[in-house]
Protein backbone atom coordinates (compact mmCIF):
# COMPACT_ATOMS: atom_id res chain seq x y z
CA MET A 1 0.30 -0.39 -0.04
CA ALA A 2 2.61 2.20 1.31
CA ARG A 3 4.13 1.29 -2.63
CA LYS A 4 1.51 1.92 -4.40
CA ARG A 5 0.86 5.29 -2.08
CA ARG A 6 4.90 6.42 -3.76
CA ASN A 7 4.52 5.62 -7.11
CA ASN A 8 1.51 8.40 -7.56
CA PHE A 9 3.44 10.99 -5.59
CA PHE A 10 6.24 10.43 -8.50
CA LEU A 11 4.06 10.64 -11.03
CA ASP A 12 3.04 13.41 -9.66
CA ASP A 13 6.36 14.73 -8.36
CA THR A 14 7.15 14.39 -12.62
CA GLU A 15 3.59 17.48 -14.08
CA SER A 16 5.13 20.19 -15.81
CA HIS A 17 4.97 23.51 -12.96
CA GLU A 18 5.59 26.09 -15.60
CA ARG A 19 1.75 26.36 -17.46
CA TRP A 20 1.91 29.33 -16.33
CA LEU A 21 4.10 30.73 -18.52
CA ILE A 22 1.48 29.71 -21.84
CA SER A 23 -1.38 32.36 -19.72
CA TYR A 24 0.65 34.76 -19.34
CA ALA A 25 2.74 35.01 -22.52
CA ASP A 26 -0.92 35.46 -23.81
CA PHE A 27 -1.26 38.47 -20.57
CA ILE A 28 1.97 40.03 -22.67
CA THR A 29 0.07 39.59 -26.37
CA LEU A 30 -2.75 41.37 -25.47
CA LEU A 31 -0.60 43.88 -24.00
CA PHE A 32 1.18 44.60 -26.36
CA ALA A 33 -1.25 45.28 -29.00
CA PHE A 34 -3.31 47.03 -26.85
CA PHE A 35 -0.70 49.90 -26.89
CA VAL A 36 -0.27 49.36 -30.54
CA VAL A 37 -3.62 49.95 -30.69
CA MET A 38 -3.34 52.71 -28.05
CA TYR A 39 -0.44 54.80 -30.40
CA SER A 40 -1.74 54.59 -33.38
CA ILE A 41 -4.45 55.89 -31.54
CA SER A 42 -2.68 58.94 -29.97
CA SER A 43 -0.85 59.58 -33.38
CA VAL A 44 -1.93 62.80 -34.79
CA ASN A 45 -1.19 64.38 -37.71
CA ASN A 46 0.38 67.79 -36.93
CA THR A 47 -0.63 69.69 -39.83
CA LYS A 48 -3.84 69.37 -39.80
CA TYR A 49 -4.67 69.79 -36.50
CA GLU A 50 -3.55 72.98 -35.72
CA GLN A 51 -5.42 73.70 -38.93
CA LEU A 52 -8.86 72.63 -37.54
CA SER A 53 -7.68 73.99 -34.27
CA LYS A 54 -6.63 77.48 -36.03
CA VAL A 55 -11.09 76.70 -38.08
CA LEU A 56 -12.44 76.25 -34.53
CA GLY A 57 -11.28 79.56 -33.13
CA ASP A 58 -11.19 81.30 -35.83
CA ALA A 59 -15.64 79.65 -35.72
CA PHE A 60 -15.89 80.68 -32.34
CA SER A 61 -14.48 83.53 -31.61
CA ILE A 62 -16.26 86.53 -30.76
CA GLU A 63 -14.19 88.84 -31.94
CA ASN A 64 -13.35 87.43 -35.03
CA ASN A 65 -17.44 87.57 -35.97
CA ALA A 66 -17.60 91.31 -35.40
CA LYS A 67 -15.21 92.13 -37.40
CA LYS A 68 -16.29 89.92 -40.10
CA LEU A 69 -19.79 91.40 -39.50
CA VAL A 70 -18.23 94.71 -40.47
CA GLU A 71 -15.87 94.16 -43.12
CA PRO A 72 -16.37 93.86 -47.18
CA ILE A 73 -16.24 90.81 -48.66
CA GLN A 74 -12.89 91.38 -50.93
CA ILE A 75 -12.90 90.48 -54.66
CA GLY A 76 -9.89 90.26 -56.66
CA ASP A 77 -6.32 92.28 -55.86
CA ILE A 78 -6.76 94.76 -53.48
CA PRO A 79 -6.07 97.87 -55.34
CA THR A 80 -2.42 99.50 -54.36
CA THR A 81 -3.43 102.98 -54.55
CA ILE A 82 -7.07 104.86 -55.55
CA SER A 83 -7.32 106.10 -58.27
CA PRO A 84 -9.55 109.93 -57.61
CA ILE A 85 -12.80 110.20 -59.40
CA ILE A 86 -12.50 112.64 -61.81
CA LEU A 87 -16.27 114.89 -62.05
CA ASP A 88 -17.33 116.94 -63.83
CA THR A 89 -17.90 120.81 -62.80
CA PRO A 90 -20.00 122.41 -65.89
CA THR A 91 -20.58 126.52 -65.21
CA THR A 92 -23.05 128.60 -63.49
CA GLU A 93 -24.81 128.51 -67.33
CA GLU A 94 -24.75 125.21 -68.33
CA THR A 95 -26.45 124.19 -64.97
CA ASP A 96 -29.17 126.69 -66.26
CA LYS A 97 -29.15 125.22 -69.06
CA GLN A 98 -29.52 121.68 -67.86
CA ARG A 99 -32.07 122.93 -65.48
CA GLU A 100 -33.85 124.93 -67.69
CA LEU A 101 -34.15 121.36 -69.82
CA SER A 102 -35.48 119.19 -66.94
CA ASP A 103 -38.02 121.60 -66.17
CA GLU A 104 -39.25 122.24 -69.42
CA ILE A 105 -39.63 118.19 -70.04
CA ARG A 106 -40.81 117.35 -66.70
CA LYS A 107 -43.87 119.99 -66.84
CA GLU A 108 -44.28 118.58 -71.11
CA MET A 109 -45.24 115.11 -69.24
CA ARG A 110 -46.87 115.86 -66.59
CA GLN A 111 -48.98 117.33 -69.16
CA LEU A 112 -48.78 113.62 -70.74
CA GLN A 113 -49.39 111.41 -68.14
CA LEU A 114 -52.87 114.17 -67.33
CA ILE A 115 -53.66 113.53 -70.67
CA SER A 116 -53.49 109.93 -70.77
CA GLU A 117 -55.56 109.45 -67.66
CA GLN A 118 -58.22 112.04 -69.44
CA PHE A 119 -58.37 109.27 -71.58
CA GLU A 120 -59.10 106.85 -69.38
CA ASP A 121 -62.22 108.91 -67.61
CA VAL A 122 -64.18 109.59 -70.44
CA LEU A 123 -63.42 106.45 -72.85
CA GLN A 124 -63.77 104.05 -69.68
CA PRO A 125 -66.80 101.97 -71.80
CA TYR A 126 -64.48 101.61 -74.27
CA ILE A 127 -61.64 100.35 -72.43
CA GLU A 128 -63.90 98.39 -70.57
CA SER A 129 -65.36 96.71 -73.93
CA HIS A 130 -61.43 96.35 -75.27
CA LEU A 131 -62.83 98.90 -78.64
CA ILE A 132 -59.53 100.73 -77.34
CA GLU A 133 -56.80 101.14 -75.18
CA VAL A 134 -54.06 103.81 -74.49
CA LYS A 135 -51.36 103.22 -74.19
CA LYS A 136 -48.51 106.10 -71.84
CA ASN A 137 -45.31 106.81 -73.12
CA ASP A 138 -42.55 109.96 -72.69
CA PHE A 139 -43.19 111.67 -74.94
CA TRP A 140 -46.19 110.46 -76.33
CA VAL A 141 -49.83 109.48 -76.14
CA GLU A 142 -51.05 106.51 -77.87
CA LEU A 143 -55.27 105.83 -77.87
CA GLU A 144 -55.66 102.59 -79.80
CA MET A 145 -59.47 102.72 -81.12
CA ASN A 146 -60.31 99.45 -83.46
CA SER A 147 -61.87 99.89 -86.63
CA GLN A 148 -64.76 98.11 -86.20
CA LEU A 149 -65.42 101.51 -82.92
CA LEU A 150 -65.04 103.46 -86.44
CA PHE A 151 -65.49 102.11 -89.85
CA LEU A 152 -67.68 99.43 -91.69
CA SER A 153 -66.05 96.77 -93.32
CA GLY A 154 -63.80 97.92 -96.16
CA LYS A 155 -64.87 101.50 -95.83
CA ALA A 156 -63.80 105.14 -94.41
CA GLY A 157 -66.15 106.28 -94.39
CA LEU A 158 -67.29 107.29 -90.23
CA SER A 159 -69.53 105.10 -88.65
CA SER A 160 -72.81 107.40 -86.83
CA LYS A 161 -71.71 105.22 -83.88
CA ALA A 162 -68.09 106.73 -84.53
CA THR A 163 -69.19 110.41 -83.81
CA PRO A 164 -69.99 109.90 -80.58
CA VAL A 165 -65.67 108.79 -79.14
CA LEU A 166 -64.23 111.03 -81.50
CA ARG A 167 -66.08 113.91 -79.88
CA LYS A 168 -65.35 113.03 -76.50
CA VAL A 169 -61.31 112.35 -77.74
CA ALA A 170 -61.60 115.86 -79.46
CA GLU A 171 -62.90 117.04 -76.57
CA VAL A 172 -59.66 115.94 -73.86
CA VAL A 173 -57.37 117.64 -76.78
CA ARG A 174 -57.98 120.33 -78.08
CA ARG A 175 -56.94 123.01 -74.85
CA MET A 176 -53.61 121.14 -75.90
CA LYS A 177 -51.67 122.37 -78.58
CA ASN A 178 -49.29 119.45 -79.16
CA VAL A 179 -49.58 118.00 -82.48
CA ILE A 180 -51.44 114.80 -83.21
CA ASN A 181 -50.54 111.80 -85.80
CA ILE A 182 -53.59 110.13 -87.17
CA GLU A 183 -52.37 106.19 -88.06
CA GLY A 184 -54.11 103.84 -90.32
CA HIS A 185 -53.65 100.10 -89.93
CA THR A 186 -55.40 97.88 -91.29
CA ASP A 187 -55.09 93.32 -91.38
CA ASN A 188 -53.13 91.14 -93.81
CA VAL A 189 -56.46 90.59 -95.92
CA PRO A 190 -55.82 92.18 -99.55
CA ILE A 191 -58.20 95.03 -101.43
CA GLU A 192 -58.74 95.23 -104.34
CA THR A 193 -61.90 98.30 -104.90
CA THR A 194 -61.60 100.86 -106.80
CA GLU A 195 -62.17 102.86 -104.76
CA PHE A 196 -58.34 101.11 -102.20
CA PRO A 197 -56.72 99.69 -105.05
CA SER A 198 -54.21 97.88 -101.35
CA ASN A 199 -54.99 98.35 -97.85
CA TRP A 200 -52.21 101.55 -98.80
CA GLU A 201 -55.30 103.79 -99.65
CA LEU A 202 -57.88 102.16 -97.39
CA SER A 203 -55.32 102.73 -94.58
CA SER A 204 -54.52 106.43 -95.36
CA ALA A 205 -58.10 107.35 -96.41
CA ARG A 206 -59.37 106.48 -92.34
CA ALA A 207 -56.77 108.50 -90.85
CA THR A 208 -58.09 111.51 -93.19
CA SER A 209 -61.67 110.76 -92.66
CA VAL A 210 -60.93 110.93 -88.39
CA VAL A 211 -58.40 113.92 -89.32
CA ARG A 212 -61.59 115.82 -91.24
CA GLU A 213 -64.36 115.48 -88.28
CA PHE A 214 -61.37 117.06 -85.82
CA ILE A 215 -61.14 120.14 -88.09
CA ARG A 216 -65.26 119.47 -87.91
CA HIS A 217 -64.71 119.25 -83.85
CA GLY A 218 -62.50 122.75 -83.63
CA ILE A 219 -58.98 121.98 -83.44
CA SER A 220 -56.22 122.59 -85.73
CA PRO A 221 -55.37 121.58 -89.00
CA GLY A 222 -51.90 122.66 -88.58
CA ARG A 223 -51.55 119.97 -85.28
CA LEU A 224 -53.23 117.16 -87.19
CA SER A 225 -51.63 114.56 -90.08
CA ALA A 226 -52.99 111.44 -91.81
CA ILE A 227 -50.89 108.17 -91.72
CA GLY A 228 -51.47 105.39 -93.36
CA TYR A 229 -49.40 102.34 -92.70
CA GLY A 230 -51.46 99.29 -94.40
CA GLU A 231 -50.83 95.96 -92.53
CA PHE A 232 -47.38 96.14 -91.86
CA HIS A 233 -47.59 96.39 -88.99
CA SER A 234 -50.02 94.92 -86.80
CA VAL A 235 -50.11 93.89 -83.32
CA ALA A 236 -51.29 90.77 -83.64
CA ASP A 237 -51.81 87.27 -85.86
CA ASN A 238 -52.69 87.38 -89.75
CA ASN A 239 -53.65 84.26 -89.48
CA ASP A 240 -56.65 83.42 -87.04
CA GLU A 241 -60.18 86.37 -86.85
CA SER A 242 -59.67 87.51 -83.51
CA GLY A 243 -55.63 88.58 -84.76
CA ARG A 244 -57.46 90.59 -87.82
CA ILE A 245 -59.58 92.37 -86.04
CA LYS A 246 -56.55 93.78 -83.33
CA ASN A 247 -54.80 94.61 -86.35
CA ARG A 248 -58.03 96.69 -88.14
CA ARG A 249 -57.67 100.11 -85.84
CA VAL A 250 -57.00 103.37 -85.81
CA VAL A 251 -54.10 105.48 -83.43
CA LEU A 252 -54.35 108.61 -82.49
CA VAL A 253 -50.72 109.77 -81.15
CA LEU A 254 -50.35 112.31 -79.00
CA MET A 255 -46.41 113.38 -79.41
CA SER A 256 -45.13 116.03 -77.38
CA GLN A 257 -43.92 119.18 -79.02
CA ALA A 258 -40.16 118.77 -78.41
CA PHE A 259 -39.83 115.73 -79.82
CA SER A 260 -42.06 116.47 -83.24
CA ARG A 261 -41.39 117.66 -86.52
CA TYR A 262 -44.25 120.59 -86.25
CA GLY A 263 -44.51 120.71 -82.75
CA MET A 264 -41.63 123.98 -82.53
CA SER A 265 -39.75 126.18 -84.14
CA ASP A 266 -35.99 125.52 -84.65
CA LYS A 267 -34.46 127.82 -82.00
CA GLU A 268 -37.38 126.68 -79.22
CA ARG A 269 -37.24 122.71 -79.82
CA ALA A 270 -32.90 124.26 -79.16
CA ARG A 271 -34.40 126.00 -75.94
CA ILE A 272 -35.91 122.97 -74.53
CA LEU A 273 -33.21 120.21 -76.32
CA ASN A 274 -30.28 122.75 -75.08
CA LEU A 275 -29.55 122.43 -78.60
CA LYS A 276 -26.73 125.38 -79.57
CA THR A 277 -27.58 126.43 -83.75
CA SER A 278 -24.76 126.98 -86.18
CA VAL A 279 -25.74 129.36 -89.43
CA GLU A 280 -25.34 128.11 -92.73
CA GLY A 281 -26.54 129.82 -95.65
CA GLY A 282 -28.43 131.98 -94.45
CA LYS A 283 -30.54 129.61 -92.56
CA GLU A 284 -30.50 128.32 -88.62
CA LYS A 285 -29.68 124.99 -87.95
CA SER A 286 -29.85 122.93 -84.75
CA VAL A 287 -27.35 121.22 -83.91
CA ASP A 288 -27.54 117.97 -80.91
CA THR A 289 -24.47 118.78 -78.84
CA ASN A 290 -26.77 116.66 -76.34
CA VAL A 291 -27.82 113.05 -76.49
CA LEU A 292 -30.40 112.41 -74.80
């Protein structure tokens, strides 16, 4: 029995007592890997770090933000020198001429604006029916009247319903001195009659009929002109009936005196437009020295 126990003791004594080295090696390996990972995390690109730090610092800096709100954004290269701006120094006489020109022109512009408002007031029913349209410009007023309001188809004589309309128009423009151009327009449908060989004759005859009616209502003939444009200045498509109806029209153009051919004498026009005059062949001729 004692022998058997002795043999067991001998066997136990031959077992390895260095098994802890395996666990220790595993621990050292894990510890080494841990330090490698920590080192890789702690390795920082100093250049990128400095740039990021600067951007974040500028973004959250109150002083820099306040400065950016005040400073303008610079576009392009900053000039090293400042070139002075040379301004014209007109004489007192030139300043007076420019002031006179501006006052005269502004006065006439106000008058034309008033006329356009009067047209809209007295012709409101026709405007609402789309038979008349008032168009405003700084230097003229257009009163566009549809031909079906004034004429029968293919005719140049005024219809019975045209007289009250033209009388209202005459009452507005009679007190003015401005030149009045009466323009006749047609559609592109050709007309070939003994009286009107083409649309040229028809448009001119219709414009002349309106001119005669205005003379009958007391407007000076010297202020009036009749112009026929035929079908060559359409405002709508001639391919459908609604467009052709719009193109058959008579347009009254109340011109600014400064820009109409016979509204003023050369001296008056030179004064209001700030022009100088020269003498050629014994006659005064206006020369434009200021392009408006």
